[in-house]
Amino acid sequence: MTISIIENFKAKSDQKETLEALLKSVIELTLQEEGCLKYELYISENDSSRYFFLEEWRSREDLDIHIASDYIQSLFGNIQSLIESSDIIEIKKYSCIRTL
């Protein structure tokens, strides 16, 4: 069963650019990881200090390996002084509606 999560980061007002650069810096490495099916960075249209990763992993084990990786642990350590808050939400697809 795949694992999907949304990570939410709220940057301090004077740290948006620094946080964005750090978040972008892990995308290519993450996409190369075995088990990574999706790893996309979004910014809120309503609040330019709020960033989101939408992630999909092949398994819980693959996600756990990702979280334990040196570069993600380094990212977590480096962003603590740049953010007001963060949250990780595990999601599952409830239904799918096709629109034309």
N, C-alpha and C. Protein backbone atom coordinates (compact mmCIF):
# COMPACT_ATOMS: atom_id res chain seq x y z
N MET A 1 0.84 -1.19 0.00
CA MET A 1 0.00 0.00 0.00
C MET A 1 0.89 1.25 0.00
N THR A 2 0.57 2.19 -0.86
CA THR A 2 1.37 3.41 -0.90
C THR A 2 1.04 4.30 0.29
N ILE A 3 2.00 5.15 0.64
CA ILE A 3 1.87 6.10 1.74
C ILE A 3 1.92 7.49 1.15
N SER A 4 0.91 8.30 1.44
CA SER A 4 0.87 9.69 0.96
C SER A 4 0.85 10.62 2.16
N ILE A 5 1.67 11.67 2.08
CA ILE A 5 1.70 12.65 3.16
C ILE A 5 1.76 14.06 2.58
N ILE A 6 1.32 14.99 3.41
CA ILE A 6 1.47 16.42 3.13
C ILE A 6 2.28 16.99 4.28
N GLU A 7 3.37 17.65 3.95
CA GLU A 7 4.16 18.37 4.94
C GLU A 7 3.89 19.85 4.75
N ASN A 8 3.66 20.56 5.84
CA ASN A 8 3.30 21.96 5.81
C ASN A 8 4.32 22.75 6.63
N PHE A 9 4.92 23.76 6.01
CA PHE A 9 5.91 24.59 6.69
C PHE A 9 5.49 26.05 6.60
N LYS A 10 5.44 26.74 7.72
CA LYS A 10 5.13 28.17 7.77
C LYS A 10 6.43 28.90 8.09
N ALA A 11 6.93 29.66 7.11
CA ALA A 11 8.19 30.38 7.28
C ALA A 11 8.01 31.61 8.15
N LYS A 12 9.03 31.95 8.92
CA LYS A 12 9.06 33.25 9.58
C LYS A 12 9.11 34.30 8.48
N SER A 13 8.52 35.47 8.74
CA SER A 13 8.33 36.47 7.68
C SER A 13 9.62 36.89 7.01
N ASP A 14 10.72 36.91 7.73
CA ASP A 14 11.99 37.34 7.15
C ASP A 14 12.85 36.17 6.65
N GLN A 15 12.28 34.96 6.62
CA GLN A 15 13.05 33.77 6.25
C GLN A 15 12.47 32.99 5.07
N LYS A 16 11.51 33.58 4.36
CA LYS A 16 10.84 32.86 3.27
C LYS A 16 11.80 32.38 2.19
N GLU A 17 12.67 33.27 1.73
CA GLU A 17 13.57 32.90 0.63
C GLU A 17 14.56 31.82 1.05
N THR A 18 15.06 31.93 2.28
CA THR A 18 16.02 30.93 2.77
C THR A 18 15.34 29.57 2.92
N LEU A 19 14.14 29.57 3.49
CA LEU A 19 13.41 28.31 3.64
C LEU A 19 13.12 27.69 2.28
N GLU A 20 12.65 28.51 1.35
CA GLU A 20 12.33 28.00 0.02
C GLU A 20 13.55 27.36 -0.64
N ALA A 21 14.69 28.00 -0.54
CA ALA A 21 15.92 27.46 -1.13
C ALA A 21 16.28 26.11 -0.51
N LEU A 22 16.17 26.00 0.80
CA LEU A 22 16.49 24.74 1.47
C LEU A 22 15.52 23.63 1.07
N LEU A 23 14.23 23.96 1.00
CA LEU A 23 13.25 22.95 0.61
C LEU A 23 13.50 22.49 -0.83
N LYS A 24 13.78 23.42 -1.71
CA LYS A 24 14.06 23.06 -3.11
C LYS A 24 15.32 22.20 -3.23
N SER A 25 16.26 22.40 -2.32
CA SER A 25 17.56 21.71 -2.43
C SER A 25 17.47 20.20 -2.24
N VAL A 26 16.39 19.70 -1.66
CA VAL A 26 16.27 18.25 -1.42
C VAL A 26 15.42 17.53 -2.45
N ILE A 27 14.81 18.25 -3.36
CA ILE A 27 13.86 17.63 -4.29
C ILE A 27 14.53 16.60 -5.19
N GLU A 28 15.60 16.97 -5.86
CA GLU A 28 16.24 16.04 -6.81
C GLU A 28 16.77 14.79 -6.12
N LEU A 29 17.40 14.97 -4.96
CA LEU A 29 17.89 13.80 -4.22
C LEU A 29 16.75 12.87 -3.82
N THR A 30 15.66 13.47 -3.37
CA THR A 30 14.52 12.66 -2.93
C THR A 30 13.90 11.91 -4.10
N LEU A 31 13.77 12.56 -5.24
CA LEU A 31 13.17 11.90 -6.40
C LEU A 31 14.00 10.72 -6.89
N GLN A 32 15.28 10.68 -6.54
CA GLN A 32 16.15 9.57 -6.92
C GLN A 32 16.06 8.39 -5.95
N GLU A 33 15.41 8.60 -4.81
CA GLU A 33 15.32 7.53 -3.82
C GLU A 33 14.41 6.41 -4.31
N GLU A 34 14.83 5.18 -4.01
CA GLU A 34 13.98 4.04 -4.32
C GLU A 34 12.70 4.16 -3.49
N GLY A 35 11.59 3.97 -4.13
CA GLY A 35 10.31 4.03 -3.42
C GLY A 35 9.63 5.37 -3.47
N CYS A 36 10.30 6.40 -3.94
CA CYS A 36 9.67 7.72 -4.06
C CYS A 36 8.84 7.76 -5.33
N LEU A 37 7.54 7.91 -5.18
CA LEU A 37 6.64 7.96 -6.33
C LEU A 37 6.28 9.40 -6.70
N LYS A 38 6.28 10.28 -5.70
CA LYS A 38 5.95 11.69 -5.93
C LYS A 38 6.59 12.53 -4.82
N TYR A 39 7.14 13.67 -5.20
CA TYR A 39 7.72 14.59 -4.21
C TYR A 39 7.65 15.98 -4.83
N GLU A 40 6.59 16.70 -4.52
CA GLU A 40 6.30 17.98 -5.15
C GLU A 40 6.22 19.08 -4.10
N LEU A 41 6.81 20.23 -4.42
CA LEU A 41 6.78 21.38 -3.53
C LEU A 41 5.76 22.39 -4.05
N TYR A 42 4.92 22.87 -3.14
CA TYR A 42 3.90 23.86 -3.46
C TYR A 42 4.04 25.05 -2.52
N ILE A 43 3.54 26.20 -2.97
CA ILE A 43 3.45 27.38 -2.13
C ILE A 43 1.99 27.82 -2.13
N SER A 44 1.51 28.28 -1.00
CA SER A 44 0.12 28.71 -0.89
C SER A 44 -0.11 29.98 -1.71
N GLU A 45 -1.20 30.03 -2.42
CA GLU A 45 -1.58 31.25 -3.14
C GLU A 45 -2.11 32.30 -2.18
N ASN A 46 -2.56 31.88 -1.00
CA ASN A 46 -3.14 32.80 -0.02
C ASN A 46 -2.13 33.31 0.99
N ASP A 47 -1.02 32.61 1.13
CA ASP A 47 -0.02 32.96 2.14
C ASP A 47 1.36 32.55 1.62
N SER A 48 2.12 33.51 1.14
CA SER A 48 3.40 33.20 0.48
C SER A 48 4.47 32.71 1.45
N SER A 49 4.16 32.63 2.72
CA SER A 49 5.12 32.09 3.68
C SER A 49 4.83 30.62 4.01
N ARG A 50 3.83 30.05 3.35
CA ARG A 50 3.44 28.66 3.64
C ARG A 50 3.79 27.75 2.46
N TYR A 51 4.59 26.72 2.76
CA TYR A 51 5.06 25.76 1.76
C TYR A 51 4.53 24.38 2.10
N PHE A 52 4.32 23.57 1.07
CA PHE A 52 3.80 22.22 1.24
C PHE A 52 4.58 21.25 0.36
N PHE A 53 4.95 20.11 0.93
CA PHE A 53 5.42 18.99 0.13
C PHE A 53 4.26 18.00 0.03
N LEU A 54 3.97 17.57 -1.18
CA LEU A 54 3.04 16.48 -1.41
C LEU A 54 3.89 15.28 -1.80
N GLU A 55 3.83 14.24 -0.97
CA GLU A 55 4.71 13.08 -1.15
C GLU A 55 3.90 11.81 -1.30
N GLU A 56 4.42 10.91 -2.11
CA GLU A 56 3.84 9.57 -2.20
C GLU A 56 4.99 8.57 -2.23
N TRP A 57 4.89 7.56 -1.36
CA TRP A 57 5.94 6.55 -1.20
C TRP A 57 5.36 5.17 -1.42
N ARG A 58 6.18 4.29 -1.96
CA ARG A 58 5.78 2.92 -2.25
C ARG A 58 5.39 2.16 -0.97
N SER A 59 6.09 2.46 0.14
CA SER A 59 5.83 1.74 1.39
C SER A 59 6.25 2.61 2.59
N ARG A 60 5.81 2.21 3.75
CA ARG A 60 6.21 2.87 5.00
C ARG A 60 7.72 2.76 5.18
N GLU A 61 8.28 1.61 4.84
CA GLU A 61 9.72 1.42 4.97
C GLU A 61 10.49 2.43 4.10
N ASP A 62 10.04 2.64 2.88
CA ASP A 62 10.70 3.62 2.00
C ASP A 62 10.62 5.03 2.59
N LEU A 63 9.48 5.39 3.15
CA LEU A 63 9.34 6.70 3.79
C LEU A 63 10.26 6.81 5.00
N ASP A 64 10.32 5.77 5.81
CA ASP A 64 11.19 5.78 6.99
C ASP A 64 12.66 5.93 6.61
N ILE A 65 13.07 5.26 5.54
CA ILE A 65 14.45 5.39 5.06
C ILE A 65 14.71 6.82 4.61
N HIS A 66 13.76 7.42 3.92
CA HIS A 66 13.88 8.81 3.48
C HIS A 66 14.05 9.75 4.68
N ILE A 67 13.18 9.60 5.67
CA ILE A 67 13.22 10.48 6.84
C ILE A 67 14.55 10.33 7.58
N ALA A 68 15.10 9.14 7.61
CA ALA A 68 16.37 8.89 8.32
C ALA A 68 17.60 9.30 7.52
N SER A 69 17.43 9.65 6.25
CA SER A 69 18.60 9.98 5.42
C SER A 69 19.33 11.21 5.96
N ASP A 70 20.62 11.24 5.73
CA ASP A 70 21.45 12.34 6.24
C ASP A 70 20.96 13.70 5.75
N TYR A 71 20.62 13.79 4.47
CA TYR A 71 20.25 15.11 3.94
C TYR A 71 18.89 15.59 4.45
N ILE A 72 17.97 14.68 4.74
CA ILE A 72 16.68 15.10 5.31
C ILE A 72 16.86 15.46 6.78
N GLN A 73 17.66 14.70 7.51
CA GLN A 73 17.93 15.06 8.90
C GLN A 73 18.63 16.42 8.98
N SER A 74 19.53 16.69 8.06
CA SER A 74 20.19 17.99 7.99
C SER A 74 19.18 19.09 7.67
N LEU A 75 18.29 18.82 6.72
CA LEU A 75 17.24 19.80 6.39
C LEU A 75 16.41 20.13 7.63
N PHE A 76 15.94 19.11 8.33
CA PHE A 76 15.13 19.34 9.53
C PHE A 76 15.87 20.19 10.55
N GLY A 77 17.16 19.92 10.74
CA GLY A 77 17.95 20.71 11.67
C GLY A 77 18.13 22.15 11.22
N ASN A 78 18.34 22.35 9.92
CA ASN A 78 18.59 23.69 9.39
C ASN A 78 17.35 24.57 9.32
N ILE A 79 16.17 23.99 9.20
CA ILE A 79 14.99 24.83 9.03
C ILE A 79 14.32 25.22 10.35
N GLN A 80 14.74 24.63 11.46
CA GLN A 80 14.06 24.92 12.72
C GLN A 80 14.04 26.40 13.07
N SER A 81 15.11 27.11 12.78
CA SER A 81 15.17 28.54 13.10
C SER A 81 14.48 29.40 12.04
N LEU A 82 14.03 28.78 10.95
CA LEU A 82 13.42 29.52 9.84
C LEU A 82 11.91 29.45 9.82
N ILE A 83 11.33 28.55 10.63
CA ILE A 83 9.90 28.31 10.56
C ILE A 83 9.18 28.70 11.84
N GLU A 84 7.92 29.11 11.66
CA GLU A 84 7.04 29.35 12.80
C GLU A 84 6.38 28.06 13.23
N SER A 85 6.06 27.22 12.24
CA SER A 85 5.38 25.96 12.55
C SER A 85 5.56 24.98 11.39
N SER A 86 5.30 23.72 11.69
CA SER A 86 5.30 22.69 10.66
C SER A 86 4.34 21.59 11.10
N ASP A 87 3.90 20.82 10.11
CA ASP A 87 2.95 19.76 10.39
C ASP A 87 3.11 18.69 9.31
N ILE A 88 2.92 17.45 9.68
CA ILE A 88 2.94 16.35 8.74
C ILE A 88 1.61 15.61 8.87
N ILE A 89 0.93 15.45 7.74
CA ILE A 89 -0.37 14.81 7.73
C ILE A 89 -0.32 13.63 6.77
N GLU A 90 -0.66 12.46 7.28
CA GLU A 90 -0.76 11.30 6.40
C GLU A 90 -2.17 11.28 5.83
N ILE A 91 -2.27 11.11 4.52
CA ILE A 91 -3.57 11.15 3.86
C ILE A 91 -3.79 9.86 3.08
N LYS A 92 -5.05 9.59 2.78
CA LYS A 92 -5.37 8.50 1.87
C LYS A 92 -6.45 8.97 0.92
N LYS A 93 -6.42 8.43 -0.27
CA LYS A 93 -7.40 8.82 -1.28
C LYS A 93 -8.76 8.29 -0.87
N TYR A 94 -9.71 9.18 -0.78
CA TYR A 94 -11.06 8.81 -0.38
C TYR A 94 -11.91 8.47 -1.60
N SER A 95 -11.82 9.33 -2.61
CA SER A 95 -12.52 9.07 -3.86
C SER A 95 -11.86 9.86 -4.96
N CYS A 96 -12.18 9.51 -6.16
CA CYS A 96 -11.60 10.18 -7.32
C CYS A 96 -12.73 10.59 -8.24
N ILE A 97 -12.74 11.87 -8.59
CA ILE A 97 -13.76 12.39 -9.49
C ILE A 97 -13.07 12.86 -10.75
N ARG A 98 -13.52 12.39 -11.86
CA ARG A 98 -12.94 12.80 -13.14
C ARG A 98 -13.75 13.96 -13.68
N THR A 99 -13.06 15.04 -14.01
CA THR A 99 -13.73 16.20 -14.60
C THR A 99 -13.26 16.38 -16.02
N LEU A 100 -14.09 16.95 -16.82
CA LEU A 100 -13.74 17.20 -18.23
C LEU A 100 -13.26 18.61 -18.42
